[in-house]
Amino acid sequence: MLKGNGELITNRGSHPLREGDVIGKPSGSGLSTQFVAGKDGMTVLDVEAWTRSDQTDVVYYPEHREILLRGRGLNHATAVENLFSGDEIMSRYAEDYKRNKDGTVDE
């Protein structure tokens, strides 16, 4: 934490932050993080270390109901409401699935 104060919220709890704090989190899935600035704001230096060039990252932002996909050739975000379940999309492929450019599917 370079400047200011605030809070780090994870699915494991909430942690106060102040200038000079260093945060490390494990790699892998199952841990979401959110920084919430204090009244004077905060400046955070965020460094990601990807161990493989073919790595991908799928991040869910519950407060915004959005999903971010990142990795080689990926840099996309979408609202959760735009997603089909895997079972639904596979059943549509079996029925000559076609999605319109606006994201809708003709029934």
C-alpha atoms as a PDB file:
ATOM      1  CA  MET A   1       0.000   0.000   0.000  1.00  0.00           C
ATOM      2  CA  LEU A   2       1.786   3.088  -1.235  1.00  0.00           C
ATOM      3  CA  LYS A   3      -0.501   5.752   0.162  1.00  0.00           C
ATOM      4  CA  GLY A   4      -3.706   6.170   2.163  1.00  0.00           C
ATOM      5  CA  ASN A   5      -5.760   3.588   3.953  1.00  0.00           C
ATOM      6  CA  GLY A   6      -8.761   1.402   3.424  1.00  0.00           C
ATOM      7  CA  GLU A   7      -9.894  -2.161   3.558  1.00  0.00           C
ATOM      8  CA  LEU A   8      -9.246  -5.412   1.738  1.00  0.00           C
ATOM      9  CA  ILE A   9     -12.367  -7.551   1.413  1.00  0.00           C
ATOM     10  CA  THR A  10     -12.043 -11.211   0.448  1.00  0.00           C
ATOM     11  CA  ASN A  11     -14.396 -14.154   0.599  1.00  0.00           C
ATOM     12  CA  ARG A  12     -12.455 -15.051   3.765  1.00  0.00           C
ATOM     13  CA  GLY A  13     -13.144 -11.762   5.555  1.00  0.00           C
ATOM     14  CA  SER A  14     -12.264  -8.099   5.782  1.00  0.00           C
ATOM     15  CA  HIS A  15      -8.822  -6.690   6.643  1.00  0.00           C
ATOM     16  CA  PRO A  16      -7.875  -3.058   7.383  1.00  0.00           C
ATOM     17  CA  LEU A  17      -5.051  -1.592   5.278  1.00  0.00           C
ATOM     18  CA  ARG A  18      -2.723   1.327   5.890  1.00  0.00           C
ATOM     19  CA  GLU A  19       0.237   2.891   4.142  1.00  0.00           C
ATOM     20  CA  GLY A  20       3.225   0.549   4.049  1.00  0.00           C
ATOM     21  CA  ASP A  21       1.233  -2.688   4.232  1.00  0.00           C
ATOM     22  CA  VAL A  22       2.240  -5.510   1.894  1.00  0.00           C
ATOM     23  CA  ILE A  23      -0.355  -8.059   0.819  1.00  0.00           C
ATOM     24  CA  GLY A  24       0.271 -11.444  -0.709  1.00  0.00           C
ATOM     25  CA  LYS A  25      -2.394 -13.833  -1.875  1.00  0.00           C
ATOM     26  CA  PRO A  26      -2.168 -17.401  -3.080  1.00  0.00           C
ATOM     27  CA  SER A  27      -2.497 -18.242  -6.746  1.00  0.00           C
ATOM     28  CA  GLY A  28      -5.362 -20.298  -8.032  1.00  0.00           C
ATOM     29  CA  SER A  29      -9.101 -20.060  -7.859  1.00  0.00           C
ATOM     30  CA  GLY A  30     -11.451 -19.500  -4.986  1.00  0.00           C
ATOM     31  CA  LEU A  31     -10.180 -16.194  -3.626  1.00  0.00           C
ATOM     32  CA  SER A  32     -11.796 -12.930  -4.643  1.00  0.00           C
ATOM     33  CA  THR A  33     -10.370  -9.584  -3.540  1.00  0.00           C
ATOM     34  CA  GLN A  34     -11.721  -6.077  -3.427  1.00  0.00           C
ATOM     35  CA  PHE A  35      -9.961  -2.916  -2.262  1.00  0.00           C
ATOM     36  CA  VAL A  36     -12.164  -0.270  -0.642  1.00  0.00           C
ATOM     37  CA  ALA A  37     -10.506   3.122  -0.203  1.00  0.00           C
ATOM     38  CA  GLY A  38     -10.735   5.040   3.056  1.00  0.00           C
ATOM     39  CA  LYS A  39     -11.971   8.625   3.196  1.00  0.00           C
ATOM     40  CA  ASP A  40      -8.630   9.989   1.905  1.00  0.00           C
ATOM     41  CA  GLY A  41      -8.304   7.407  -0.866  1.00  0.00           C
ATOM     42  CA  MET A  42      -5.566   4.855  -1.461  1.00  0.00           C
ATOM     43  CA  THR A  43      -2.792   4.118  -3.911  1.00  0.00           C
ATOM     44  CA  VAL A  44      -2.000   0.431  -4.392  1.00  0.00           C
ATOM     45  CA  LEU A  45       0.843  -1.102  -6.373  1.00  0.00           C
ATOM     46  CA  ASP A  46      -0.587  -4.354  -7.751  1.00  0.00           C
ATOM     47  CA  VAL A  47       1.883  -6.820  -9.258  1.00  0.00           C
ATOM     48  CA  GLU A  48       0.733 -10.063 -10.856  1.00  0.00           C
ATOM     49  CA  ALA A  49       3.162 -12.868 -11.526  1.00  0.00           C
ATOM     50  CA  TRP A  50       1.981 -15.352 -14.121  1.00  0.00           C
ATOM     51  CA  THR A  51       4.106 -18.467 -14.115  1.00  0.00           C
ATOM     52  CA  ARG A  52       3.084 -19.658 -17.596  1.00  0.00           C
ATOM     53  CA  SER A  53       2.514 -17.714 -20.798  1.00  0.00           C
ATOM     54  CA  ASP A  54      -0.601 -19.796 -21.572  1.00  0.00           C
ATOM     55  CA  GLN A  55      -2.240 -19.014 -18.235  1.00  0.00           C
ATOM     56  CA  THR A  56      -5.807 -17.721 -18.156  1.00  0.00           C
ATOM     57  CA  ASP A  57      -7.728 -15.935 -15.462  1.00  0.00           C
ATOM     58  CA  VAL A  58     -11.478 -15.914 -14.860  1.00  0.00           C
ATOM     59  CA  VAL A  59     -12.598 -13.324 -12.312  1.00  0.00           C
ATOM     60  CA  TYR A  60     -16.135 -12.879 -10.963  1.00  0.00           C
ATOM     61  CA  TYR A  61     -17.123  -9.473  -9.566  1.00  0.00           C
ATOM     62  CA  PRO A  62     -20.257 -10.230  -7.487  1.00  0.00           C
ATOM     63  CA  GLU A  63     -21.181  -6.617  -6.708  1.00  0.00           C
ATOM     64  CA  HIS A  64     -21.274  -5.800 -10.430  1.00  0.00           C
ATOM     65  CA  ARG A  65     -22.397  -9.264 -11.557  1.00  0.00           C
ATOM     66  CA  GLU A  66     -19.642  -9.312 -14.184  1.00  0.00           C
ATOM     67  CA  ILE A  67     -17.064 -11.868 -15.266  1.00  0.00           C
ATOM     68  CA  LEU A  68     -13.612 -10.972 -16.635  1.00  0.00           C
ATOM     69  CA  LEU A  69     -11.676 -13.391 -18.857  1.00  0.00           C
ATOM     70  CA  ARG A  70      -7.948 -12.698 -19.273  1.00  0.00           C
ATOM     71  CA  GLY A  71      -5.056 -14.565 -20.813  1.00  0.00           C
ATOM     72  CA  ARG A  72      -3.356 -15.130 -24.146  1.00  0.00           C
ATOM     73  CA  GLY A  73      -5.829 -13.830 -26.710  1.00  0.00           C
ATOM     74  CA  LEU A  74      -8.409 -13.074 -23.986  1.00  0.00           C
ATOM     75  CA  ASN A  75      -9.334  -9.702 -22.564  1.00  0.00           C
ATOM     76  CA  HIS A  76     -13.115  -9.720 -22.265  1.00  0.00           C
ATOM     77  CA  ALA A  77     -15.760  -8.922 -19.694  1.00  0.00           C
ATOM     78  CA  THR A  78     -19.477  -9.707 -19.707  1.00  0.00           C
ATOM     79  CA  ALA A  79     -22.486  -9.467 -17.438  1.00  0.00           C
ATOM     80  CA  VAL A  80     -23.480 -12.723 -15.745  1.00  0.00           C
ATOM     81  CA  GLU A  81     -26.934 -12.392 -17.319  1.00  0.00           C
ATOM     82  CA  ASN A  82     -25.328 -12.910 -20.760  1.00  0.00           C
ATOM     83  CA  LEU A  83     -24.067 -16.392 -19.930  1.00  0.00           C
ATOM     84  CA  PHE A  84     -25.578 -19.743 -20.839  1.00  0.00           C
ATOM     85  CA  SER A  85     -24.917 -22.836 -18.756  1.00  0.00           C
ATOM     86  CA  GLY A  86     -22.611 -25.434 -20.301  1.00  0.00           C
ATOM     87  CA  ASP A  87     -25.506 -27.885 -20.575  1.00  0.00           C
ATOM     88  CA  GLU A  88     -27.707 -25.310 -22.304  1.00  0.00           C
ATOM     89  CA  ILE A  89     -25.123 -24.312 -24.867  1.00  0.00           C
ATOM     90  CA  MET A  90     -24.229 -27.949 -25.653  1.00  0.00           C
ATOM     91  CA  SER A  91     -27.897 -28.797 -26.200  1.00  0.00           C
ATOM     92  CA  ARG A  92     -28.160 -25.832 -28.577  1.00  0.00           C
ATOM     93  CA  TYR A  93     -25.126 -27.032 -30.564  1.00  0.00           C
ATOM     94  CA  ALA A  94     -26.917 -30.332 -31.063  1.00  0.00           C
ATOM     95  CA  GLU A  95     -29.797 -28.320 -32.601  1.00  0.00           C
ATOM     96  CA  ASP A  96     -27.665 -26.424 -35.193  1.00  0.00           C
ATOM     97  CA  TYR A  97     -26.917 -23.647 -32.692  1.00  0.00           C
ATOM     98  CA  LYS A  98     -26.607 -20.111 -34.017  1.00  0.00           C
ATOM     99  CA  ARG A  99     -26.242 -16.955 -31.943  1.00  0.00           C
ATOM    100  CA  ASN A 100     -27.149 -13.560 -33.409  1.00  0.00           C
ATOM    101  CA  LYS A 101     -24.610 -10.721 -33.374  1.00  0.00           C
ATOM    102  CA  ASP A 102     -26.569  -9.033 -30.559  1.00  0.00           C
ATOM    103  CA  GLY A 103     -26.164 -12.147 -28.396  1.00  0.00           C
ATOM    104  CA  THR A 104     -29.713 -13.410 -28.719  1.00  0.00           C
ATOM    105  CA  VAL A 105     -30.635 -16.887 -29.918  1.00  0.00           C
ATOM    106  CA  ASP A 106     -33.522 -17.558 -32.276  1.00  0.00           C
ATOM    107  CA  GLU A 107     -35.855 -20.176 -30.848  1.00  0.00           C
END
